[in-house]
Amino acid sequence: KTGLFKNIEIYNLWTIFVNDPKYKIYFMSNEDCWKMHLDEIKNYIIKYKKRPSHHSKDDIIKKMGKWLNNQQANYKNKEQIMKNKEISKLWVEFVNSPMYIPYFNTITE
């Protein structure tokens, strides 16, 4: 096979590869990765009725806690992915949701 047919074959193989559930996560956009992390945080809060701690001895929970703290700082300073209006909107909806707002109260609240 040559030319166009070879290119179509390569394209089809690549498309199958990047959409394979085993590998799809490695080809996600930054926005999709961010949304996936947000879903993980939501699930954690629902399950454990608390925020993941960035001081946890469990590396996965610690990573989630650090991610959450970074997002708060990024939102406050309108930095990094929080410059994206869709992401910023999702963050505001999350922290102001009746289900999650108790986990984002300040010390005085």
C-alpha atoms as a PDB file:
ATOM      1  CA  LYS A   1       0.000   0.000   0.000  1.00  0.00           C
ATOM      2  CA  THR A   2       1.242   3.440  -0.846  1.00  0.00           C
ATOM      3  CA  GLY A   3       0.230   7.068  -0.647  1.00  0.00           C
ATOM      4  CA  LEU A   4      -3.276   7.861   0.464  1.00  0.00           C
ATOM      5  CA  PHE A   5      -4.193   4.271   1.385  1.00  0.00           C
ATOM      6  CA  LYS A   6      -1.124   3.982   3.627  1.00  0.00           C
ATOM      7  CA  ASN A   7      -2.045   7.277   5.328  1.00  0.00           C
ATOM      8  CA  ILE A   8      -5.635   6.142   5.872  1.00  0.00           C
ATOM      9  CA  GLU A   9      -4.422   2.873   7.373  1.00  0.00           C
ATOM     10  CA  ILE A  10      -2.078   4.718   9.757  1.00  0.00           C
ATOM     11  CA  TYR A  11      -4.828   7.188  10.662  1.00  0.00           C
ATOM     12  CA  ASN A  12      -7.263   4.360  11.413  1.00  0.00           C
ATOM     13  CA  LEU A  13      -4.716   2.507  13.568  1.00  0.00           C
ATOM     14  CA  TRP A  14      -3.916   5.704  15.479  1.00  0.00           C
ATOM     15  CA  THR A  15      -7.609   6.467  16.009  1.00  0.00           C
ATOM     16  CA  ILE A  16      -8.232   2.989  17.402  1.00  0.00           C
ATOM     17  CA  PHE A  17      -5.189   3.313  19.685  1.00  0.00           C
ATOM     18  CA  VAL A  18      -6.037   6.727  21.192  1.00  0.00           C
ATOM     19  CA  ASN A  19      -9.646   5.680  21.794  1.00  0.00           C
ATOM     20  CA  ASP A  20      -8.763   2.371  23.435  1.00  0.00           C
ATOM     21  CA  PRO A  21      -9.940   2.556  27.077  1.00  0.00           C
ATOM     22  CA  LYS A  22      -6.506   1.320  28.239  1.00  0.00           C
ATOM     23  CA  TYR A  23      -4.739   4.307  26.658  1.00  0.00           C
ATOM     24  CA  LYS A  24      -7.390   7.015  26.300  1.00  0.00           C
ATOM     25  CA  ILE A  25      -6.446   8.666  29.599  1.00  0.00           C
ATOM     26  CA  TYR A  26      -2.990   9.475  28.212  1.00  0.00           C
ATOM     27  CA  PHE A  27      -4.505  11.552  25.408  1.00  0.00           C
ATOM     28  CA  MET A  28      -6.904  13.659  27.448  1.00  0.00           C
ATOM     29  CA  SER A  29      -6.840  17.435  27.182  1.00  0.00           C
ATOM     30  CA  ASN A  30      -5.776  19.515  30.185  1.00  0.00           C
ATOM     31  CA  GLU A  31      -9.407  20.505  30.636  1.00  0.00           C
ATOM     32  CA  ASP A  32     -10.583  16.890  30.607  1.00  0.00           C
ATOM     33  CA  CYS A  33      -7.879  15.936  33.129  1.00  0.00           C
ATOM     34  CA  TRP A  34      -8.955  18.828  35.347  1.00  0.00           C
ATOM     35  CA  LYS A  35     -12.585  17.695  35.188  1.00  0.00           C
ATOM     36  CA  MET A  36     -11.539  14.144  36.038  1.00  0.00           C
ATOM     37  CA  HIS A  37      -9.646  15.398  39.112  1.00  0.00           C
ATOM     38  CA  LEU A  38     -12.651  17.477  40.159  1.00  0.00           C
ATOM     39  CA  ASP A  39     -14.864  14.387  39.926  1.00  0.00           C
ATOM     40  CA  GLU A  40     -12.377  12.469  42.092  1.00  0.00           C
ATOM     41  CA  ILE A  41     -12.516  15.233  44.710  1.00  0.00           C
ATOM     42  CA  LYS A  42     -16.319  15.255  44.646  1.00  0.00           C
ATOM     43  CA  ASN A  43     -16.436  11.485  45.085  1.00  0.00           C
ATOM     44  CA  TYR A  44     -13.952  11.648  47.961  1.00  0.00           C
ATOM     45  CA  ILE A  45     -15.971  14.314  49.769  1.00  0.00           C
ATOM     46  CA  ILE A  46     -19.207  12.391  49.285  1.00  0.00           C
ATOM     47  CA  LYS A  47     -17.658   9.157  50.543  1.00  0.00           C
ATOM     48  CA  TYR A  48     -15.661  10.490  53.505  1.00  0.00           C
ATOM     49  CA  LYS A  49     -17.614  13.666  54.374  1.00  0.00           C
ATOM     50  CA  LYS A  50     -14.398  15.699  54.423  1.00  0.00           C
ATOM     51  CA  ARG A  51     -11.859  17.252  52.091  1.00  0.00           C
ATOM     52  CA  PRO A  52      -8.773  15.255  51.167  1.00  0.00           C
ATOM     53  CA  SER A  53      -5.842  16.453  53.267  1.00  0.00           C
ATOM     54  CA  HIS A  54      -2.590  17.560  51.726  1.00  0.00           C
ATOM     55  CA  HIS A  55      -0.996  16.284  54.952  1.00  0.00           C
ATOM     56  CA  SER A  56      -2.294  12.724  54.564  1.00  0.00           C
ATOM     57  CA  LYS A  57       0.133   9.824  54.820  1.00  0.00           C
ATOM     58  CA  ASP A  58      -1.686   8.222  51.895  1.00  0.00           C
ATOM     59  CA  ASP A  59       0.006   9.519  48.728  1.00  0.00           C
ATOM     60  CA  ILE A  60      -3.205   9.464  46.666  1.00  0.00           C
ATOM     61  CA  ILE A  61      -5.157  11.486  49.243  1.00  0.00           C
ATOM     62  CA  LYS A  62      -2.199  13.843  49.712  1.00  0.00           C
ATOM     63  CA  LYS A  63      -2.056  14.431  45.959  1.00  0.00           C
ATOM     64  CA  MET A  64      -5.795  15.150  45.884  1.00  0.00           C
ATOM     65  CA  GLY A  65      -5.446  17.582  48.787  1.00  0.00           C
ATOM     66  CA  LYS A  66      -2.577  19.412  47.101  1.00  0.00           C
ATOM     67  CA  TRP A  67      -4.520  19.572  43.832  1.00  0.00           C
ATOM     68  CA  LEU A  68      -7.491  21.067  45.667  1.00  0.00           C
ATOM     69  CA  ASN A  69      -5.330  23.680  47.406  1.00  0.00           C
ATOM     70  CA  ASN A  70      -3.658  24.580  44.108  1.00  0.00           C
ATOM     71  CA  GLN A  71      -7.025  25.091  42.445  1.00  0.00           C
ATOM     72  CA  GLN A  72      -8.129  27.415  45.227  1.00  0.00           C
ATOM     73  CA  ALA A  73      -4.966  29.493  44.790  1.00  0.00           C
ATOM     74  CA  ASN A  74      -5.238  29.425  40.997  1.00  0.00           C
ATOM     75  CA  TYR A  75      -8.845  30.598  41.166  1.00  0.00           C
ATOM     76  CA  LYS A  76      -8.050  33.363  43.636  1.00  0.00           C
ATOM     77  CA  ASN A  77      -5.226  34.640  41.435  1.00  0.00           C
ATOM     78  CA  LYS A  78      -6.893  33.821  38.086  1.00  0.00           C
ATOM     79  CA  GLU A  79      -3.822  31.805  37.100  1.00  0.00           C
ATOM     80  CA  GLN A  80      -3.073  28.747  35.003  1.00  0.00           C
ATOM     81  CA  ILE A  81      -6.154  26.708  34.040  1.00  0.00           C
ATOM     82  CA  MET A  82      -8.438  29.087  35.947  1.00  0.00           C
ATOM     83  CA  LYS A  83      -7.935  31.571  33.101  1.00  0.00           C
ATOM     84  CA  ASN A  84     -10.229  29.227  31.170  1.00  0.00           C
ATOM     85  CA  LYS A  85     -13.776  30.573  31.667  1.00  0.00           C
ATOM     86  CA  GLU A  86     -15.390  27.123  31.499  1.00  0.00           C
ATOM     87  CA  ILE A  87     -13.057  25.706  34.159  1.00  0.00           C
ATOM     88  CA  SER A  88     -13.436  28.775  36.342  1.00  0.00           C
ATOM     89  CA  LYS A  89     -17.226  28.475  36.078  1.00  0.00           C
ATOM     90  CA  LEU A  90     -17.117  24.778  37.022  1.00  0.00           C
ATOM     91  CA  TRP A  91     -14.976  25.641  40.049  1.00  0.00           C
ATOM     92  CA  VAL A  92     -17.390  28.329  41.235  1.00  0.00           C
ATOM     93  CA  GLU A  93     -20.331  25.960  40.804  1.00  0.00           C
ATOM     94  CA  PHE A  94     -18.466  23.291  42.781  1.00  0.00           C
ATOM     95  CA  VAL A  95     -17.421  25.388  45.782  1.00  0.00           C
ATOM     96  CA  ASN A  96     -20.836  27.084  45.943  1.00  0.00           C
ATOM     97  CA  SER A  97     -22.877  23.919  45.532  1.00  0.00           C
ATOM     98  CA  PRO A  98     -25.047  23.213  48.592  1.00  0.00           C
ATOM     99  CA  MET A  99     -23.531  19.737  48.667  1.00  0.00           C
ATOM    100  CA  TYR A 100     -19.910  20.947  48.856  1.00  0.00           C
ATOM    101  CA  ILE A 101     -20.039  24.467  50.315  1.00  0.00           C
ATOM    102  CA  PRO A 102     -19.659  23.242  53.930  1.00  0.00           C
ATOM    103  CA  TYR A 103     -16.212  21.949  53.003  1.00  0.00           C
ATOM    104  CA  PHE A 104     -15.099  25.372  51.799  1.00  0.00           C
ATOM    105  CA  ASN A 105     -16.183  27.543  54.732  1.00  0.00           C
ATOM    106  CA  THR A 106     -13.533  29.732  56.246  1.00  0.00           C
ATOM    107  CA  ILE A 107     -12.452  29.271  59.861  1.00  0.00           C
ATOM    108  CA  THR A 108     -14.696  32.149  60.978  1.00  0.00           C
ATOM    109  CA  GLU A 109     -17.710  30.620  59.245  1.00  0.00           C
END
